C-alpha atoms as a PDB file:
ATOM      1  CA  MET A   1     113.878 125.625  75.758  1.00  0.00           C
ATOM      2  CA  LYS A   2     116.103 123.434  77.998  1.00  0.00           C
ATOM      3  CA  LYS A   3     114.185 121.393  80.446  1.00  0.00           C
ATOM      4  CA  SER A   4     114.869 121.428  84.052  1.00  0.00           C
ATOM      5  CA  SER A   5     116.817 118.438  85.406  1.00  0.00           C
ATOM      6  CA  LYS A   6     114.521 118.466  88.587  1.00  0.00           C
ATOM      7  CA  SER A   7     111.557 117.057  86.401  1.00  0.00           C
ATOM      8  CA  GLU A   8     113.465 113.969  85.499  1.00  0.00           C
ATOM      9  CA  PRO A   9     113.435 111.079  87.954  1.00  0.00           C
ATOM     10  CA  SER A  10     116.848 109.990  89.051  1.00  0.00           C
ATOM     11  CA  ARG A  11     118.110 106.956  87.171  1.00  0.00           C
ATOM     12  CA  ASP A  12     120.287 105.984  90.053  1.00  0.00           C
ATOM     13  CA  ARG A  13     117.697 105.961  92.777  1.00  0.00           C
ATOM     14  CA  PRO A  14     116.546 102.378  93.730  1.00  0.00           C
ATOM     15  CA  ARG A  15     112.923 101.813  93.694  1.00  0.00           C
ATOM     16  CA  ARG A  16     111.357  99.366  96.232  1.00  0.00           C
ATOM     17  CA  SER A  17     108.615  97.237  94.768  1.00  0.00           C
ATOM     18  CA  ASN A  18     105.924  95.087  96.187  1.00  0.00           C
ATOM     19  CA  LYS A  19     106.721  92.427  93.718  1.00  0.00           C
ATOM     20  CA  VAL A  20     108.870  89.416  94.294  1.00  0.00           C
ATOM     21  CA  PRO A  21     111.020  88.418  91.186  1.00  0.00           C
ATOM     22  CA  HIS A  22     109.185  86.021  88.889  1.00  0.00           C
ATOM     23  CA  THR A  23     111.598  83.140  89.116  1.00  0.00           C
ATOM     24  CA  LYS A  24     110.434  79.644  88.271  1.00  0.00           C
ATOM     25  CA  ARG A  25     109.111  77.775  91.277  1.00  0.00           C
ATOM     26  CA  PRO A  26     111.485  74.778  92.164  1.00  0.00           C
ATOM     27  CA  GLU A  27     110.139  71.360  92.817  1.00  0.00           C
ATOM     28  CA  VAL A  28     108.990  70.932  96.336  1.00  0.00           C
ATOM     29  CA  ARG A  29     108.640  67.772  98.512  1.00  0.00           C
ATOM     30  CA  GLY A  30     109.004  68.351 102.293  1.00  0.00           C
ATOM     31  CA  ALA A  31     109.449  71.374 104.514  1.00  0.00           C
ATOM     32  CA  CYS A  32     109.466  74.844 102.799  1.00  0.00           C
ATOM     33  CA  HIS A  33     110.096  78.259 104.314  1.00  0.00           C
ATOM     34  CA  VAL A  34     107.565  80.746 102.890  1.00  0.00           C
ATOM     35  CA  VAL A  35     107.731  84.526 103.426  1.00  0.00           C
ATOM     36  CA  LEU A  36     104.647  86.725 102.686  1.00  0.00           C
ATOM     37  CA  ARG A  37     105.084  90.441 102.430  1.00  0.00           C
ATOM     38  CA  VAL A  38     102.105  92.848 103.103  1.00  0.00           C
ATOM     39  CA  VAL A  39     101.645  95.473 100.444  1.00  0.00           C
ATOM     40  CA  ARG A  40     103.022  98.857 101.436  1.00  0.00           C
ATOM     41  CA  GLY A  41     100.805 101.245 103.202  1.00  0.00           C
ATOM     42  CA  LEU A  42      98.650  98.803 105.130  1.00  0.00           C
ATOM     43  CA  PRO A  43      98.387  98.666 108.839  1.00  0.00           C
ATOM     44  CA  TRP A  44     100.936  97.053 111.275  1.00  0.00           C
ATOM     45  CA  LEU A  45     100.306  93.259 111.722  1.00  0.00           C
ATOM     46  CA  ARG A  46     101.698  92.993 115.208  1.00  0.00           C
ATOM     47  CA  THR A  47      98.572  94.354 117.254  1.00  0.00           C
ATOM     48  CA  PRO A  48      96.479  92.075 119.460  1.00  0.00           C
ATOM     49  CA  LYS A  49      93.392  92.533 117.319  1.00  0.00           C
ATOM     50  CA  THR A  50      95.053  92.033 114.074  1.00  0.00           C
ATOM     51  CA  TYR A  51      96.882  88.978 115.385  1.00  0.00           C
ATOM     52  CA  ARG A  52      93.682  87.310 116.558  1.00  0.00           C
ATOM     53  CA  VAL A  53      92.219  87.616 113.117  1.00  0.00           C
ATOM     54  CA  LEU A  54      95.580  86.327 111.396  1.00  0.00           C
ATOM     55  CA  GLU A  55      95.543  83.328 113.948  1.00  0.00           C
ATOM     56  CA  GLY A  56      91.829  82.442 113.070  1.00  0.00           C
ATOM     57  CA  ALA A  57      92.658  82.665 109.333  1.00  0.00           C
ATOM     58  CA  LEU A  58      95.890  80.535 109.569  1.00  0.00           C
ATOM     59  CA  ARG A  59      93.915  77.903 111.709  1.00  0.00           C
ATOM     60  CA  LYS A  60      91.222  77.711 109.030  1.00  0.00           C
ATOM     61  CA  ALA A  61      93.639  77.164 106.164  1.00  0.00           C
ATOM     62  CA  ASN A  62      96.326  75.146 107.970  1.00  0.00           C
ATOM     63  CA  GLN A  63      95.809  71.705 106.294  1.00  0.00           C
ATOM     64  CA  LYS A  64      94.630  70.503 102.944  1.00  0.00           C
ATOM     65  CA  ALA A  65      95.466  67.541 100.738  1.00  0.00           C
ATOM     66  CA  GLY A  66      99.255  67.421 100.596  1.00  0.00           C
ATOM     67  CA  PHE A  67      99.779  70.704 102.462  1.00  0.00           C
ATOM     68  CA  SER A  68     100.044  71.687 106.176  1.00  0.00           C
ATOM     69  CA  LEU A  69     101.189  74.717 108.176  1.00  0.00           C
ATOM     70  CA  ALA A  70     103.969  73.556 110.701  1.00  0.00           C
ATOM     71  CA  GLN A  71     105.195  76.912 112.342  1.00  0.00           C
ATOM     72  CA  TYR A  72     104.811  80.633 111.732  1.00  0.00           C
ATOM     73  CA  SER A  73     105.664  84.016 113.100  1.00  0.00           C
ATOM     74  CA  VAL A  74     104.125  87.439 112.529  1.00  0.00           C
ATOM     75  CA  GLN A  75     106.233  90.488 111.999  1.00  0.00           C
ATOM     76  CA  GLY A  76     105.113  94.084 111.368  1.00  0.00           C
ATOM     77  CA  ASP A  77     104.860  93.828 107.600  1.00  0.00           C
ATOM     78  CA  HIS A  78     105.496  90.177 106.749  1.00  0.00           C
ATOM     79  CA  LEU A  79     104.953  86.672 107.863  1.00  0.00           C
ATOM     80  CA  HIS A  80     107.289  83.722 108.081  1.00  0.00           C
ATOM     81  CA  LEU A  81     105.682  80.284 107.604  1.00  0.00           C
ATOM     82  CA  LEU A  82     107.178  76.728 107.514  1.00  0.00           C
ATOM     83  CA  ILE A  83     105.021  74.688 105.367  1.00  0.00           C
ATOM     84  CA  GLU A  84     104.999  70.846 104.566  1.00  0.00           C
ATOM     85  CA  ALA A  85     104.081  70.157 101.017  1.00  0.00           C
ATOM     86  CA  GLN A  86     103.734  66.931  99.033  1.00  0.00           C
ATOM     87  CA  ASP A  87     104.697  68.640  95.796  1.00  0.00           C
ATOM     88  CA  LYS A  88     104.892  72.036  94.033  1.00  0.00           C
ATOM     89  CA  ARG A  89     101.128  71.809  93.000  1.00  0.00           C
ATOM     90  CA  ALA A  90     100.004  71.128  96.572  1.00  0.00           C
ATOM     91  CA  LEU A  91     101.994  74.077  97.755  1.00  0.00           C
ATOM     92  CA  ALA A  92     100.476  76.411  95.308  1.00  0.00           C
ATOM     93  CA  ARG A  93      96.869  75.297  96.149  1.00  0.00           C
ATOM     94  CA  GLY A  94      97.501  75.424  99.760  1.00  0.00           C
ATOM     95  CA  MET A  95      98.973  78.891  99.741  1.00  0.00           C
ATOM     96  CA  GLN A  96      96.187  80.112  97.501  1.00  0.00           C
ATOM     97  CA  GLY A  97      93.583  79.069 100.113  1.00  0.00           C
ATOM     98  CA  LEU A  98      95.615  80.547 103.007  1.00  0.00           C
ATOM     99  CA  LEU A  99      96.150  83.674 101.141  1.00  0.00           C
ATOM    100  CA  ILE A 100      92.512  84.154 100.432  1.00  0.00           C
ATOM    101  CA  SER A 101      91.546  83.208 103.951  1.00  0.00           C
ATOM    102  CA  VAL A 102      94.059  85.805 105.493  1.00  0.00           C
ATOM    103  CA  ALA A 103      93.176  88.632 102.882  1.00  0.00           C
ATOM    104  CA  LYS A 104      89.299  88.335 103.353  1.00  0.00           C
ATOM    105  CA  ARG A 105      89.682  88.660 107.118  1.00  0.00           C
ATOM    106  CA  LEU A 106      92.118  91.377 107.232  1.00  0.00           C
ATOM    107  CA  ASN A 107      90.177  93.377 104.737  1.00  0.00           C
ATOM    108  CA  ARG A 108      87.140  92.984 106.842  1.00  0.00           C
ATOM    109  CA  LEU A 109      89.069  94.105 109.918  1.00  0.00           C
ATOM    110  CA  TRP A 110      90.481  97.120 108.074  1.00  0.00           C
ATOM    111  CA  ARG A 111      87.066  97.935 106.557  1.00  0.00           C
ATOM    112  CA  ARG A 112      88.394  97.562 103.081  1.00  0.00           C
ATOM    113  CA  LYS A 113      85.802  96.340 100.612  1.00  0.00           C
ATOM    114  CA  LYS A 114      88.563  94.988  98.298  1.00  0.00           C
ATOM    115  CA  GLY A 115      92.188  95.290  97.551  1.00  0.00           C
ATOM    116  CA  SER A 116      95.415  93.159  97.631  1.00  0.00           C
ATOM    117  CA  VAL A 117      96.914  92.470 101.103  1.00  0.00           C
ATOM    118  CA  PHE A 118     100.126  90.645  99.943  1.00  0.00           C
ATOM    119  CA  ALA A 119     102.507  91.086  97.236  1.00  0.00           C
ATOM    120  CA  ASP A 120     101.619  89.302  94.009  1.00  0.00           C
ATOM    121  CA  ARG A 121     104.258  86.573  94.660  1.00  0.00           C
ATOM    122  CA  TYR A 122     105.527  84.980  97.849  1.00  0.00           C
ATOM    123  CA  PHE A 123     108.942  83.838  98.579  1.00  0.00           C
ATOM    124  CA  SER A 124     109.590  80.126  99.164  1.00  0.00           C
ATOM    125  CA  ARG A 125     112.643  77.822  99.585  1.00  0.00           C
ATOM    126  CA  LEU A 126     112.860  74.018 100.223  1.00  0.00           C
ATOM    127  CA  VAL A 127     114.605  73.136 103.404  1.00  0.00           C
ATOM    128  CA  GLU A 128     116.407  69.828 103.422  1.00  0.00           C
ATOM    129  CA  GLY A 129     118.302  68.149 106.289  1.00  0.00           C
ATOM    130  CA  PHE A 130     118.374  68.326 110.032  1.00  0.00           C
ATOM    131  CA  ARG A 131     120.665  71.344 110.547  1.00  0.00           C
ATOM    132  CA  PRO A 132     118.977  73.603 107.976  1.00  0.00           C
ATOM    133  CA  LEU A 133     115.664  72.734 109.493  1.00  0.00           C
ATOM    134  CA  ARG A 134     116.883  73.676 112.872  1.00  0.00           C
ATOM    135  CA  THR A 135     118.268  76.904 111.684  1.00  0.00           C
ATOM    136  CA  VAL A 136     114.790  77.725 110.013  1.00  0.00           C
ATOM    137  CA  LEU A 137     112.825  76.814 113.219  1.00  0.00           C
ATOM    138  CA  LYS A 138     115.123  79.093 115.294  1.00  0.00           C
ATOM    139  CA  TYR A 139     114.840  81.954 112.712  1.00  0.00           C
ATOM    140  CA  ILE A 140     111.055  81.693 112.532  1.00  0.00           C
ATOM    141  CA  HIS A 141     110.279  81.285 116.218  1.00  0.00           C
ATOM    142  CA  ASN A 142     112.884  84.039 117.344  1.00  0.00           C
ATOM    143  CA  ASN A 143     112.382  86.426 114.381  1.00  0.00           C
ATOM    144  CA  GLY A 144     110.762  88.937 116.754  1.00  0.00           C
ATOM    145  CA  ARG A 145     113.993  89.123 118.801  1.00  0.00           C
ATOM    146  CA  LYS A 146     115.884  89.750 115.551  1.00  0.00           C
ATOM    147  CA  HIS A 147     113.730  92.639 114.776  1.00  0.00           C
ATOM    148  CA  GLY A 148     113.823  93.999 118.437  1.00  0.00           C
ATOM    149  CA  VAL A 149     109.910  93.723 118.937  1.00  0.00           C
ATOM    150  CA  TRP A 150     110.142  90.908 121.650  1.00  0.00           C
ATOM    151  CA  GLY A 151     112.689  90.512 124.348  1.00  0.00           C
ATOM    152  CA  SER A 152     111.376  88.257 127.105  1.00  0.00           C
ATOM    153  CA  SER A 153     113.914  85.577 127.983  1.00  0.00           C
ATOM    154  CA  THR A 154     111.241  83.288 129.671  1.00  0.00           C
ATOM    155  CA  GLN A 155     108.401  83.433 127.088  1.00  0.00           C
ATOM    156  CA  PRO A 156     108.250  82.846 123.409  1.00  0.00           C
ATOM    157  CA  ASP A 157     106.931  85.589 120.994  1.00  0.00           C
ATOM    158  CA  PRO A 158     103.107  85.725 121.401  1.00  0.00           C
ATOM    159  CA  TYR A 159     102.806  86.676 117.665  1.00  0.00           C
ATOM    160  CA  SER A 160     103.986  83.329 116.633  1.00  0.00           C
ATOM    161  CA  SER A 161     103.261  79.588 117.048  1.00  0.00           C
ATOM    162  CA  GLY A 162     105.994  79.400 119.553  1.00  0.00           C
ATOM    163  CA  ARG A 163     103.591  79.196 122.545  1.00  0.00           C
ATOM    164  CA  TRP A 164     102.408  75.774 121.122  1.00  0.00           C
ATOM    165  CA  PHE A 165     105.971  74.724 120.416  1.00  0.00           C
ATOM    166  CA  ARG A 166     106.847  71.742 122.796  1.00  0.00           C
ATOM    167  CA  SER A 167     110.599  71.709 122.535  1.00  0.00           C
ATOM    168  CA  TRP A 168     111.937  74.888 124.143  1.00  0.00           C
ATOM    169  CA  GLY A 169     115.141  74.170 126.031  1.00  0.00           C
ATOM    170  CA  GLY A 170     114.662  74.780 129.837  1.00  0.00           C
ATOM    171  CA  GLU A 171     111.152  75.990 129.115  1.00  0.00           C
ATOM    172  CA  GLY A 172     110.139  76.505 132.710  1.00  0.00           C
ATOM    173  CA  ASN A 173     106.651  78.118 133.001  1.00  0.00           C
ATOM    174  CA  ILE A 174     105.738  78.960 129.510  1.00  0.00           C
ATOM    175  CA  ARG A 175     102.116  80.272 129.269  1.00  0.00           C
ATOM    176  CA  ARG A 176     100.410  77.906 126.907  1.00  0.00           C
ATOM    177  CA  PRO A 177      97.042  79.051 125.323  1.00  0.00           C
ATOM    178  CA  LEU A 178      94.025  76.967 126.167  1.00  0.00           C
ATOM    179  CA  ARG A 179      92.662  77.270 122.633  1.00  0.00           C
ATOM    180  CA  ALA A 180      93.702  74.749 120.036  1.00  0.00           C
ATOM    181  CA  SER A 181      96.958  75.073 118.185  1.00  0.00           C
ATOM    182  CA  PRO A 182      96.804  76.900 114.729  1.00  0.00           C
ATOM    183  CA  VAL A 183      99.524  74.637 113.373  1.00  0.00           C
ATOM    184  CA  VAL A 184      99.726  70.881 112.425  1.00  0.00           C
ATOM    185  CA  GLU A 185     102.092  68.331 113.830  1.00  0.00           C
ATOM    186  CA  PRO A 186     104.862  67.558 111.328  1.00  0.00           C
ATOM    187  CA  GLY A 187     104.648  64.516 109.349  1.00  0.00           C
ATOM    188  CA  GLU A 188     108.335  64.312 107.744  1.00  0.00           C
ATOM    189  CA  TRP A 189     110.566  62.351 110.037  1.00  0.00           C
ATOM    190  CA  THR A 190     113.381  64.859 109.729  1.00  0.00           C
ATOM    191  CA  LEU A 191     111.154  67.790 110.742  1.00  0.00           C
ATOM    192  CA  GLN A 192     109.745  65.666 113.555  1.00  0.00           C
ATOM    193  CA  LEU A 193     113.294  65.097 114.768  1.00  0.00           C
ATOM    194  CA  ALA A 194     114.276  68.770 114.432  1.00  0.00           C
ATOM    195  CA  THR A 195     111.220  69.933 116.431  1.00  0.00           C
ATOM    196  CA  GLN A 196     112.092  67.446 119.213  1.00  0.00           C
ATOM    197  CA  ARG A 197     115.410  69.036 119.974  1.00  0.00           C
ATOM    198  CA  GLY A 198     115.235  72.039 122.336  1.00  0.00           C
ATOM    199  CA  LEU A 199     115.436  75.609 121.064  1.00  0.00           C
ATOM    200  CA  GLN A 200     116.574  78.451 123.278  1.00  0.00           C
ATOM    201  CA  LEU A 201     114.068  81.218 124.060  1.00  0.00           C
ATOM    202  CA  ASP A 202     116.596  83.929 124.281  1.00  0.00           C
ATOM    203  CA  ASP A 203     118.525  82.939 121.116  1.00  0.00           C
ATOM    204  CA  VAL A 204     118.762  85.812 118.545  1.00  0.00           C
ATOM    205  CA  PRO A 205     118.946  84.457 115.008  1.00  0.00           C
ATOM    206  CA  GLY A 206     121.754  85.717 112.773  1.00  0.00           C
ATOM    207  CA  LYS A 207     121.558  86.202 108.940  1.00  0.00           C
ATOM    208  CA  PRO A 208     119.916  83.355 107.035  1.00  0.00           C
ATOM    209  CA  TRP A 209     121.892  81.236 104.668  1.00  0.00           C
ATOM    210  CA  TRP A 210     119.374  82.079 101.870  1.00  0.00           C
ATOM    211  CA  PRO A 211     119.259  85.464 100.224  1.00  0.00           C
ATOM    212  CA  LEU A 212     116.158  86.947 101.861  1.00  0.00           C
ATOM    213  CA  GLU A 213     117.907  90.329 102.129  1.00  0.00           C
ATOM    214  CA  ASP A 214     117.132  90.711  98.376  1.00  0.00           C
ATOM    215  CA  LEU A 215     113.393  90.950  99.417  1.00  0.00           C
ATOM    216  CA  GLN A 216     114.035  93.592 102.229  1.00  0.00           C
ATOM    217  CA  LEU A 217     112.162  91.227 104.608  1.00  0.00           C
ATOM    218  CA  VAL A 218     114.794  90.155 107.157  1.00  0.00           C
END
């Protein structure tokens, strides 16, 4: 009997996966752009209650030996982080602690006893040089504008570390939180210099110069 073609899955249909390709991690020393993607089907991250939990988790895990969180932004289903790491091992250990801290708190908020929160691998890329660092800073802080979820021309995205960022060009009356910053002051001199030059609040980032489109995150 001839089988119906409807029962066979299409071979040409692309399948979206929660997995990041298992390529070998490059050597790391300095600033690194990290992207974390939430497993499909979990709640939206850009809500006030969820963000408070995320900020607390990031603050708790923002610094370890050879590892520190410099900047971040939270989007609906992913996070952009700017990390300073002494080497690949320090990055791996620091990210492990950060992922555990975030996952435990989000599972508690969502009343999940257990279960993965993030994809099994995270995307990371070393960022070297003044101009690339400026590009990444702009991309992270103003990523909400790129996605159309934040549009104020006078205030930074509240779902990011932008409210603690001190180098907005023509910053005017930015509403600064009274609580301590969840990020750590940069240690690398190139990143220090990059963060001291003013960014524009209303700048909309273009496409990044690294292939994040492959991960369906940008």
